[in-house]
């Protein structure tokens, strides 16, 4: 991994098994606008937010209570010159015990500061991991973008002028 890859870490009171299950419940912490399998090895799912962002992700590694790795096989952003920036990047969740807590280390391997989308993607991933996924693990309820209420995403679109 490149030390410039986007990375964030969270510490929770729940077990690695609970964290693993929450990570694989992508509709619970990222978006309800996901189609496909999010919890099976070699499964594929598609994400979209209006015409701003869409991507296809393949699950390439799934080690219960330890590790989840996604490969971005297709991607489109409407707000940058290279619409395909995420293609062939990996999204990695590493789960480990830290004393009586569980640590989740999230790395988007290949998402680096040189990417045009980096600032927007950094802010979005920070929210979805540190707020939404953490909430899903701790309380059973995340802050995923719902099909009927896209408050966070619409704020991002307005803030960054993405339309």
N, C-alpha and C. Protein backbone atom coordinates (compact mmCIF):
# COMPACT_ATOMS: atom_id res chain seq x y z
N UNK A 1 0.83 -1.19 0.00
CA UNK A 1 0.00 0.00 0.00
C UNK A 1 0.87 1.25 0.00
N UNK A 2 0.42 2.25 -0.66
CA UNK A 2 1.08 3.54 -0.73
C UNK A 2 0.70 4.33 0.52
N UNK A 3 1.66 4.98 1.17
CA UNK A 3 1.31 5.72 2.38
C UNK A 3 0.48 6.96 2.09
N UNK A 4 0.22 7.25 0.81
CA UNK A 4 -0.67 8.35 0.45
C UNK A 4 -2.10 7.87 0.21
N UNK A 5 -2.33 6.55 0.18
CA UNK A 5 -3.68 6.03 0.00
C UNK A 5 -4.57 6.57 1.11
N UNK A 6 -5.82 6.88 0.77
CA UNK A 6 -6.75 7.35 1.80
C UNK A 6 -6.97 6.25 2.83
N UNK A 7 -6.76 6.58 4.09
CA UNK A 7 -6.94 5.62 5.19
C UNK A 7 -7.58 6.32 6.36
N UNK A 8 -8.47 5.61 7.04
CA UNK A 8 -9.02 6.09 8.30
C UNK A 8 -9.25 4.87 9.18
N UNK A 9 -9.18 5.08 10.48
CA UNK A 9 -9.29 3.98 11.43
C UNK A 9 -10.33 4.33 12.49
N UNK A 10 -11.12 3.33 12.88
CA UNK A 10 -12.04 3.54 13.98
C UNK A 10 -11.92 2.41 14.98
N UNK A 11 -12.26 2.71 16.22
CA UNK A 11 -12.19 1.77 17.32
C UNK A 11 -13.59 1.66 17.90
N UNK A 12 -14.08 0.43 18.05
CA UNK A 12 -15.44 0.21 18.55
C UNK A 12 -15.42 -0.80 19.69
N UNK A 13 -16.48 -0.80 20.47
CA UNK A 13 -16.60 -1.73 21.60
C UNK A 13 -17.08 -3.11 21.17
N UNK A 14 -17.67 -3.22 19.98
CA UNK A 14 -18.27 -4.47 19.53
C UNK A 14 -17.18 -5.44 19.04
N UNK A 15 -17.58 -6.69 18.84
CA UNK A 15 -16.65 -7.75 18.44
C UNK A 15 -16.26 -7.62 16.97
N UNK A 16 -15.17 -8.26 16.57
CA UNK A 16 -14.81 -8.29 15.15
C UNK A 16 -15.91 -8.89 14.28
N UNK A 17 -16.65 -9.85 14.82
CA UNK A 17 -17.74 -10.47 14.06
C UNK A 17 -18.84 -9.46 13.77
N UNK A 18 -19.18 -8.64 14.77
CA UNK A 18 -20.21 -7.61 14.58
C UNK A 18 -19.72 -6.58 13.56
N UNK A 19 -18.46 -6.19 13.66
CA UNK A 19 -17.89 -5.22 12.70
C UNK A 19 -17.92 -5.79 11.28
N UNK A 20 -17.51 -7.04 11.13
CA UNK A 20 -17.49 -7.71 9.82
C UNK A 20 -18.89 -7.73 9.21
N UNK A 21 -19.88 -8.11 10.01
CA UNK A 21 -21.26 -8.16 9.51
C UNK A 21 -21.75 -6.77 9.09
N UNK A 22 -21.40 -5.75 9.86
CA UNK A 22 -21.82 -4.39 9.53
C UNK A 22 -21.16 -3.91 8.24
N UNK A 23 -19.87 -4.18 8.08
CA UNK A 23 -19.17 -3.79 6.85
C UNK A 23 -19.87 -4.38 5.63
N UNK A 24 -20.28 -5.63 5.73
CA UNK A 24 -20.93 -6.31 4.61
C UNK A 24 -22.38 -5.90 4.41
N UNK A 25 -22.94 -5.16 5.35
CA UNK A 25 -24.28 -4.58 5.21
C UNK A 25 -24.13 -3.19 4.60
N UNK A 26 -23.65 -3.14 3.37
CA UNK A 26 -23.29 -1.89 2.71
C UNK A 26 -24.50 -0.95 2.59
N UNK A 27 -25.69 -1.52 2.41
CA UNK A 27 -26.90 -0.70 2.32
C UNK A 27 -27.23 -0.04 3.66
N UNK A 28 -26.67 -0.57 4.73
CA UNK A 28 -26.92 -0.02 6.06
C UNK A 28 -26.03 1.16 6.42
N UNK A 29 -24.87 1.30 5.75
CA UNK A 29 -23.97 2.40 6.11
C UNK A 29 -23.57 3.29 4.93
N UNK A 30 -23.65 2.81 3.68
CA UNK A 30 -23.25 3.65 2.54
C UNK A 30 -24.49 4.17 1.82
N UNK A 31 -25.24 3.28 1.21
CA UNK A 31 -26.38 3.74 0.42
C UNK A 31 -27.39 2.62 0.21
N UNK A 32 -28.66 2.97 0.27
CA UNK A 32 -29.71 2.02 -0.10
C UNK A 32 -29.78 1.86 -1.62
N UNK A 33 -29.10 2.73 -2.35
CA UNK A 33 -29.09 2.69 -3.82
C UNK A 33 -27.99 1.76 -4.32
N UNK A 34 -27.93 0.58 -3.75
CA UNK A 34 -26.95 -0.43 -4.13
C UNK A 34 -27.71 -1.65 -4.61
N UNK A 35 -27.26 -2.19 -5.73
CA UNK A 35 -27.88 -3.39 -6.29
C UNK A 35 -26.83 -4.47 -6.40
N UNK A 36 -27.21 -5.69 -5.99
CA UNK A 36 -26.30 -6.82 -6.09
C UNK A 36 -25.90 -7.33 -4.72
N UNK A 37 -25.00 -8.31 -4.74
CA UNK A 37 -24.57 -8.99 -3.52
C UNK A 37 -23.40 -8.25 -2.88
N UNK A 38 -23.54 -7.92 -1.60
CA UNK A 38 -22.49 -7.20 -0.88
C UNK A 38 -21.80 -8.06 0.17
N UNK A 39 -22.15 -9.33 0.25
CA UNK A 39 -21.61 -10.15 1.34
C UNK A 39 -21.15 -11.54 0.92
N UNK A 40 -20.88 -11.73 -0.38
CA UNK A 40 -20.40 -13.03 -0.85
C UNK A 40 -19.13 -12.86 -1.68
N UNK A 41 -18.18 -13.75 -1.48
CA UNK A 41 -16.93 -13.71 -2.22
C UNK A 41 -17.22 -13.80 -3.71
N UNK A 42 -16.60 -12.96 -4.49
CA UNK A 42 -16.77 -12.82 -5.94
C UNK A 42 -18.11 -12.22 -6.33
N UNK A 43 -18.91 -11.82 -5.33
CA UNK A 43 -20.15 -11.11 -5.61
C UNK A 43 -19.84 -9.73 -6.17
N UNK A 44 -20.79 -9.17 -6.89
CA UNK A 44 -20.63 -7.82 -7.44
C UNK A 44 -21.83 -6.97 -7.06
N UNK A 45 -21.56 -5.71 -6.82
CA UNK A 45 -22.66 -4.79 -6.58
C UNK A 45 -22.39 -3.46 -7.26
N UNK A 46 -23.47 -2.75 -7.53
CA UNK A 46 -23.39 -1.45 -8.21
C UNK A 46 -23.94 -0.38 -7.28
N UNK A 47 -23.24 0.74 -7.23
CA UNK A 47 -23.63 1.91 -6.45
C UNK A 47 -23.90 3.05 -7.42
N UNK A 48 -24.87 3.90 -7.08
CA UNK A 48 -25.05 5.13 -7.86
C UNK A 48 -25.65 6.21 -6.98
N UNK A 49 -25.29 7.43 -7.29
CA UNK A 49 -25.95 8.60 -6.73
C UNK A 49 -26.25 9.52 -7.90
N UNK A 50 -27.53 9.57 -8.26
CA UNK A 50 -28.00 10.35 -9.41
C UNK A 50 -27.03 10.14 -10.57
N UNK A 51 -26.66 11.23 -11.27
CA UNK A 51 -25.67 11.08 -12.34
C UNK A 51 -24.31 11.60 -11.89
N UNK A 52 -24.14 11.78 -10.59
CA UNK A 52 -22.90 12.31 -10.04
C UNK A 52 -21.84 11.22 -9.94
N UNK A 53 -22.22 10.06 -9.44
CA UNK A 53 -21.25 8.98 -9.23
C UNK A 53 -21.94 7.63 -9.37
N UNK A 54 -21.27 6.75 -10.08
CA UNK A 54 -21.71 5.36 -10.13
C UNK A 54 -20.47 4.48 -10.25
N UNK A 55 -20.56 3.30 -9.66
CA UNK A 55 -19.43 2.38 -9.74
C UNK A 55 -19.92 0.94 -9.58
N UNK A 56 -19.09 0.02 -10.05
CA UNK A 56 -19.32 -1.40 -9.88
C UNK A 56 -18.15 -1.96 -9.09
N UNK A 57 -18.47 -2.76 -8.09
CA UNK A 57 -17.47 -3.28 -7.17
C UNK A 57 -17.59 -4.79 -7.08
N UNK A 58 -16.44 -5.47 -7.11
CA UNK A 58 -16.39 -6.92 -6.95
C UNK A 58 -15.72 -7.23 -5.61
N UNK A 59 -16.29 -8.17 -4.87
CA UNK A 59 -15.71 -8.59 -3.60
C UNK A 59 -14.65 -9.64 -3.90
N UNK A 60 -13.38 -9.29 -3.65
CA UNK A 60 -12.27 -10.17 -4.02
C UNK A 60 -11.64 -10.89 -2.83
N UNK A 61 -11.96 -10.45 -1.63
CA UNK A 61 -11.47 -11.14 -0.43
C UNK A 61 -12.48 -10.95 0.68
N UNK A 62 -12.76 -12.04 1.38
CA UNK A 62 -13.75 -12.03 2.45
C UNK A 62 -13.29 -13.03 3.51
N UNK A 63 -12.65 -12.54 4.56
CA UNK A 63 -12.16 -13.39 5.65
C UNK A 63 -12.97 -13.02 6.89
N UNK A 64 -13.88 -13.89 7.32
CA UNK A 64 -14.78 -13.55 8.42
C UNK A 64 -14.05 -12.97 9.63
N UNK A 65 -14.58 -11.84 10.10
CA UNK A 65 -14.11 -11.14 11.29
C UNK A 65 -12.68 -10.61 11.16
N UNK A 66 -12.11 -10.60 9.92
CA UNK A 66 -10.73 -10.14 9.75
C UNK A 66 -10.53 -9.15 8.60
N UNK A 67 -11.12 -9.43 7.45
CA UNK A 67 -10.75 -8.63 6.27
C UNK A 67 -11.82 -8.72 5.19
N UNK A 68 -12.05 -7.57 4.54
CA UNK A 68 -12.93 -7.47 3.38
C UNK A 68 -12.18 -6.62 2.36
N UNK A 69 -12.12 -7.10 1.11
CA UNK A 69 -11.46 -6.33 0.05
C UNK A 69 -12.39 -6.27 -1.16
N UNK A 70 -12.59 -5.05 -1.65
CA UNK A 70 -13.38 -4.81 -2.85
C UNK A 70 -12.45 -4.30 -3.95
N UNK A 71 -12.76 -4.67 -5.18
CA UNK A 71 -12.07 -4.15 -6.36
C UNK A 71 -13.07 -3.34 -7.17
N UNK A 72 -12.73 -2.09 -7.45
CA UNK A 72 -13.60 -1.24 -8.27
C UNK A 72 -13.34 -1.60 -9.73
N UNK A 73 -14.34 -2.20 -10.38
CA UNK A 73 -14.17 -2.66 -11.76
C UNK A 73 -14.69 -1.66 -12.79
N UNK A 74 -15.56 -0.76 -12.35
CA UNK A 74 -16.06 0.28 -13.25
C UNK A 74 -16.39 1.49 -12.39
N UNK A 75 -16.22 2.67 -12.93
CA UNK A 75 -16.49 3.89 -12.17
C UNK A 75 -16.76 5.05 -13.12
N UNK A 76 -17.60 5.97 -12.64
CA UNK A 76 -17.89 7.19 -13.39
C UNK A 76 -18.17 8.31 -12.40
N UNK A 77 -17.49 9.43 -12.56
CA UNK A 77 -17.78 10.67 -11.85
C UNK A 77 -18.13 11.71 -12.90
N UNK A 78 -19.18 12.49 -12.66
CA UNK A 78 -19.54 13.51 -13.66
C UNK A 78 -18.82 14.84 -13.42
N UNK A 79 -18.04 14.95 -12.35
CA UNK A 79 -17.50 16.25 -11.95
C UNK A 79 -15.99 16.39 -12.10
N UNK A 80 -15.34 15.42 -12.74
CA UNK A 80 -13.89 15.51 -12.93
C UNK A 80 -13.54 15.15 -14.37
N UNK A 81 -12.36 15.52 -14.79
CA UNK A 81 -11.93 15.26 -16.17
C UNK A 81 -11.78 13.77 -16.46
N UNK A 82 -11.07 13.05 -15.57
CA UNK A 82 -10.91 11.60 -15.74
C UNK A 82 -12.05 10.91 -15.01
N UNK A 83 -13.10 10.64 -15.73
CA UNK A 83 -14.33 10.11 -15.14
C UNK A 83 -14.13 8.73 -14.50
N UNK A 84 -13.02 8.07 -14.81
CA UNK A 84 -12.77 6.69 -14.39
C UNK A 84 -11.75 6.56 -13.26
N UNK A 85 -11.49 7.61 -12.52
CA UNK A 85 -10.38 7.60 -11.55
C UNK A 85 -10.32 6.38 -10.63
N UNK A 86 -11.41 5.87 -10.17
CA UNK A 86 -11.37 4.77 -9.21
C UNK A 86 -11.12 3.40 -9.83
N UNK A 87 -11.21 3.25 -11.13
CA UNK A 87 -11.11 1.91 -11.73
C UNK A 87 -9.80 1.24 -11.34
N UNK A 88 -9.92 -0.03 -10.94
CA UNK A 88 -8.81 -0.89 -10.49
C UNK A 88 -8.21 -0.47 -9.16
N UNK A 89 -8.90 0.38 -8.40
CA UNK A 89 -8.48 0.64 -7.03
C UNK A 89 -9.13 -0.40 -6.12
N UNK A 90 -8.56 -0.57 -4.93
CA UNK A 90 -9.12 -1.52 -3.96
C UNK A 90 -9.56 -0.79 -2.71
N UNK A 91 -10.65 -1.25 -2.17
CA UNK A 91 -11.20 -0.72 -0.92
C UNK A 91 -11.06 -1.84 0.10
N UNK A 92 -10.29 -1.56 1.16
CA UNK A 92 -9.87 -2.61 2.09
C UNK A 92 -10.33 -2.28 3.50
N UNK A 93 -10.96 -3.25 4.14
CA UNK A 93 -11.35 -3.16 5.54
C UNK A 93 -10.55 -4.22 6.30
N UNK A 94 -9.71 -3.79 7.24
CA UNK A 94 -8.94 -4.72 8.06
C UNK A 94 -9.46 -4.63 9.49
N UNK A 95 -9.84 -5.77 10.05
CA UNK A 95 -10.47 -5.83 11.37
C UNK A 95 -9.52 -6.55 12.32
N UNK A 96 -9.28 -5.97 13.49
CA UNK A 96 -8.40 -6.63 14.46
C UNK A 96 -8.82 -6.25 15.88
N UNK A 97 -8.47 -7.11 16.82
CA UNK A 97 -8.71 -6.84 18.24
C UNK A 97 -7.61 -5.91 18.74
N UNK A 98 -7.99 -4.93 19.52
CA UNK A 98 -7.07 -4.02 20.20
C UNK A 98 -7.50 -3.99 21.66
N UNK A 99 -6.91 -4.88 22.46
CA UNK A 99 -7.35 -5.00 23.85
C UNK A 99 -8.77 -5.52 23.88
N UNK A 100 -9.66 -4.80 24.55
CA UNK A 100 -11.06 -5.22 24.60
C UNK A 100 -11.91 -4.52 23.54
N UNK A 101 -11.27 -3.88 22.60
CA UNK A 101 -11.97 -3.17 21.52
C UNK A 101 -11.65 -3.81 20.17
N UNK A 102 -12.36 -3.37 19.16
CA UNK A 102 -12.12 -3.82 17.78
C UNK A 102 -11.73 -2.61 16.94
N UNK A 103 -10.65 -2.78 16.19
CA UNK A 103 -10.18 -1.72 15.29
C UNK A 103 -10.56 -2.08 13.86
N UNK A 104 -11.10 -1.11 13.15
CA UNK A 104 -11.38 -1.26 11.72
C UNK A 104 -10.51 -0.24 11.00
N UNK A 105 -9.63 -0.73 10.15
CA UNK A 105 -8.78 0.16 9.35
C UNK A 105 -9.31 0.11 7.92
N UNK A 106 -9.75 1.26 7.44
CA UNK A 106 -10.29 1.39 6.09
C UNK A 106 -9.23 2.05 5.22
N UNK A 107 -8.92 1.42 4.10
CA UNK A 107 -7.98 2.00 3.15
C UNK A 107 -8.58 1.93 1.76
N UNK A 108 -8.59 3.04 1.06
CA UNK A 108 -8.95 3.02 -0.36
C UNK A 108 -7.62 3.09 -1.10
N UNK A 109 -7.13 1.90 -1.44
CA UNK A 109 -5.81 1.77 -2.09
C UNK A 109 -5.90 2.29 -3.51
N UNK A 110 -5.12 3.33 -3.79
CA UNK A 110 -5.16 3.96 -5.11
C UNK A 110 -5.86 5.31 -5.09
N UNK A 111 -6.60 5.60 -4.03
CA UNK A 111 -7.20 6.93 -3.88
C UNK A 111 -6.14 7.81 -3.20
N UNK A 112 -5.47 8.61 -3.99
CA UNK A 112 -4.32 9.40 -3.52
C UNK A 112 -4.57 10.89 -3.77
N UNK A 113 -3.84 11.76 -3.06
CA UNK A 113 -4.06 13.21 -3.19
C UNK A 113 -3.94 13.74 -4.61
N UNK A 114 -3.24 13.04 -5.49
CA UNK A 114 -3.09 13.51 -6.87
C UNK A 114 -4.39 13.36 -7.67
N UNK A 115 -5.31 12.54 -7.20
CA UNK A 115 -6.59 12.37 -7.90
C UNK A 115 -7.42 13.64 -7.79
N UNK A 116 -8.08 13.98 -8.88
CA UNK A 116 -8.94 15.16 -8.89
C UNK A 116 -10.09 15.03 -7.89
N UNK A 117 -10.58 13.82 -7.68
CA UNK A 117 -11.72 13.62 -6.78
C UNK A 117 -11.30 13.51 -5.31
N UNK A 118 -10.00 13.59 -5.02
CA UNK A 118 -9.51 13.24 -3.68
C UNK A 118 -10.22 14.01 -2.56
N UNK A 119 -10.34 15.32 -2.65
CA UNK A 119 -10.95 16.09 -1.56
C UNK A 119 -12.40 15.67 -1.32
N UNK A 120 -13.16 15.54 -2.39
CA UNK A 120 -14.56 15.14 -2.27
C UNK A 120 -14.65 13.71 -1.73
N UNK A 121 -13.85 12.81 -2.29
CA UNK A 121 -13.88 11.40 -1.87
C UNK A 121 -13.41 11.25 -0.42
N UNK A 122 -12.40 12.01 -0.03
CA UNK A 122 -11.90 11.99 1.34
C UNK A 122 -13.02 12.37 2.30
N UNK A 123 -13.71 13.46 2.00
CA UNK A 123 -14.80 13.90 2.87
C UNK A 123 -15.94 12.88 2.92
N UNK A 124 -16.28 12.34 1.76
CA UNK A 124 -17.38 11.36 1.71
C UNK A 124 -17.02 10.09 2.47
N UNK A 125 -15.84 9.50 2.18
CA UNK A 125 -15.44 8.28 2.89
C UNK A 125 -15.33 8.54 4.39
N UNK A 126 -14.79 9.69 4.78
CA UNK A 126 -14.67 10.01 6.21
C UNK A 126 -16.03 9.97 6.88
N UNK A 127 -17.04 10.53 6.23
CA UNK A 127 -18.40 10.48 6.78
C UNK A 127 -18.92 9.05 6.82
N UNK A 128 -18.85 8.35 5.70
CA UNK A 128 -19.45 7.02 5.65
C UNK A 128 -18.77 6.03 6.59
N UNK A 129 -17.47 6.15 6.79
CA UNK A 129 -16.77 5.22 7.68
C UNK A 129 -16.85 5.68 9.13
N UNK A 130 -16.42 6.91 9.40
CA UNK A 130 -16.30 7.37 10.79
C UNK A 130 -17.63 7.71 11.44
N UNK A 131 -18.63 8.05 10.66
CA UNK A 131 -19.95 8.36 11.22
C UNK A 131 -20.93 7.21 10.99
N UNK A 132 -21.17 6.89 9.73
CA UNK A 132 -22.22 5.94 9.39
C UNK A 132 -21.88 4.50 9.76
N UNK A 133 -20.72 4.00 9.31
CA UNK A 133 -20.35 2.62 9.65
C UNK A 133 -20.17 2.48 11.15
N UNK A 134 -19.52 3.44 11.78
CA UNK A 134 -19.34 3.36 13.24
C UNK A 134 -20.70 3.29 13.94
N UNK A 135 -21.66 4.09 13.50
CA UNK A 135 -22.99 4.07 14.08
C UNK A 135 -23.69 2.73 13.85
N UNK A 136 -23.55 2.18 12.64
CA UNK A 136 -24.15 0.88 12.35
C UNK A 136 -23.57 -0.20 13.26
N UNK A 137 -22.27 -0.19 13.45
CA UNK A 137 -21.64 -1.18 14.33
C UNK A 137 -22.10 -1.00 15.77
N UNK A 138 -22.12 0.24 16.25
CA UNK A 138 -22.41 0.51 17.66
C UNK A 138 -23.89 0.41 18.02
N UNK A 139 -24.77 0.83 17.09
CA UNK A 139 -26.19 0.92 17.44
C UNK A 139 -27.10 0.06 16.57
N UNK A 140 -26.55 -0.48 15.47
CA UNK A 140 -27.38 -1.23 14.54
C UNK A 140 -28.06 -0.35 13.51
N UNK A 141 -27.81 0.97 13.57
CA UNK A 141 -28.41 1.90 12.60
C UNK A 141 -27.33 2.83 12.08
N UNK A 142 -27.10 2.76 10.77
CA UNK A 142 -26.12 3.63 10.13
C UNK A 142 -26.79 4.88 9.58
N UNK A 143 -26.03 5.65 8.83
CA UNK A 143 -26.52 6.89 8.22
C UNK A 143 -26.39 6.80 6.70
N UNK A 144 -26.81 5.68 6.16
CA UNK A 144 -26.72 5.45 4.72
C UNK A 144 -27.64 6.41 3.97
N UNK A 145 -27.25 6.72 2.75
CA UNK A 145 -28.12 7.49 1.87
C UNK A 145 -29.34 6.63 1.58
N UNK A 146 -30.51 7.15 1.90
CA UNK A 146 -31.73 6.38 1.65
C UNK A 146 -32.27 6.70 0.26
N UNK A 147 -33.15 5.86 -0.20
CA UNK A 147 -33.73 6.09 -1.52
C UNK A 147 -34.60 7.34 -1.52
N UNK A 148 -35.15 7.70 -0.36
CA UNK A 148 -36.05 8.85 -0.31
C UNK A 148 -35.42 10.09 0.32
N UNK A 149 -34.31 9.94 1.06
CA UNK A 149 -33.70 11.09 1.73
C UNK A 149 -32.20 11.02 1.54
N UNK A 150 -31.69 11.91 0.73
CA UNK A 150 -30.26 11.90 0.41
C UNK A 150 -29.57 13.12 1.00
N UNK A 151 -29.91 13.47 2.23
CA UNK A 151 -29.43 14.72 2.84
C UNK A 151 -27.92 14.89 2.74
N UNK A 152 -27.13 13.88 3.13
CA UNK A 152 -25.67 14.04 3.09
C UNK A 152 -25.18 14.21 1.66
N UNK A 153 -25.63 13.36 0.76
CA UNK A 153 -25.15 13.45 -0.62
C UNK A 153 -25.56 14.77 -1.27
N UNK A 154 -26.77 15.23 -1.02
CA UNK A 154 -27.19 16.50 -1.63
C UNK A 154 -26.38 17.66 -1.05
N UNK A 155 -26.01 17.59 0.23
CA UNK A 155 -25.14 18.61 0.81
C UNK A 155 -23.77 18.60 0.13
N UNK A 156 -23.24 17.40 -0.13
CA UNK A 156 -21.94 17.28 -0.80
C UNK A 156 -22.01 17.87 -2.20
N UNK A 157 -23.07 17.56 -2.93
CA UNK A 157 -23.23 18.06 -4.30
C UNK A 157 -23.24 19.59 -4.28
N UNK A 158 -24.00 20.16 -3.34
CA UNK A 158 -24.07 21.62 -3.26
C UNK A 158 -22.72 22.22 -2.83
N UNK A 159 -22.12 21.67 -1.80
CA UNK A 159 -20.85 22.21 -1.28
C UNK A 159 -19.76 22.22 -2.34
N UNK A 160 -19.63 21.11 -3.08
CA UNK A 160 -18.54 20.97 -4.04
C UNK A 160 -18.93 21.35 -5.47
N UNK A 161 -20.20 21.75 -5.68
CA UNK A 161 -20.64 22.15 -7.02
C UNK A 161 -20.51 21.01 -8.02
N UNK A 162 -21.04 19.83 -7.65
CA UNK A 162 -20.82 18.62 -8.44
C UNK A 162 -21.78 18.44 -9.60
N UNK A 163 -22.79 19.27 -9.74
CA UNK A 163 -23.73 19.09 -10.85
C UNK A 163 -23.44 20.03 -11.97
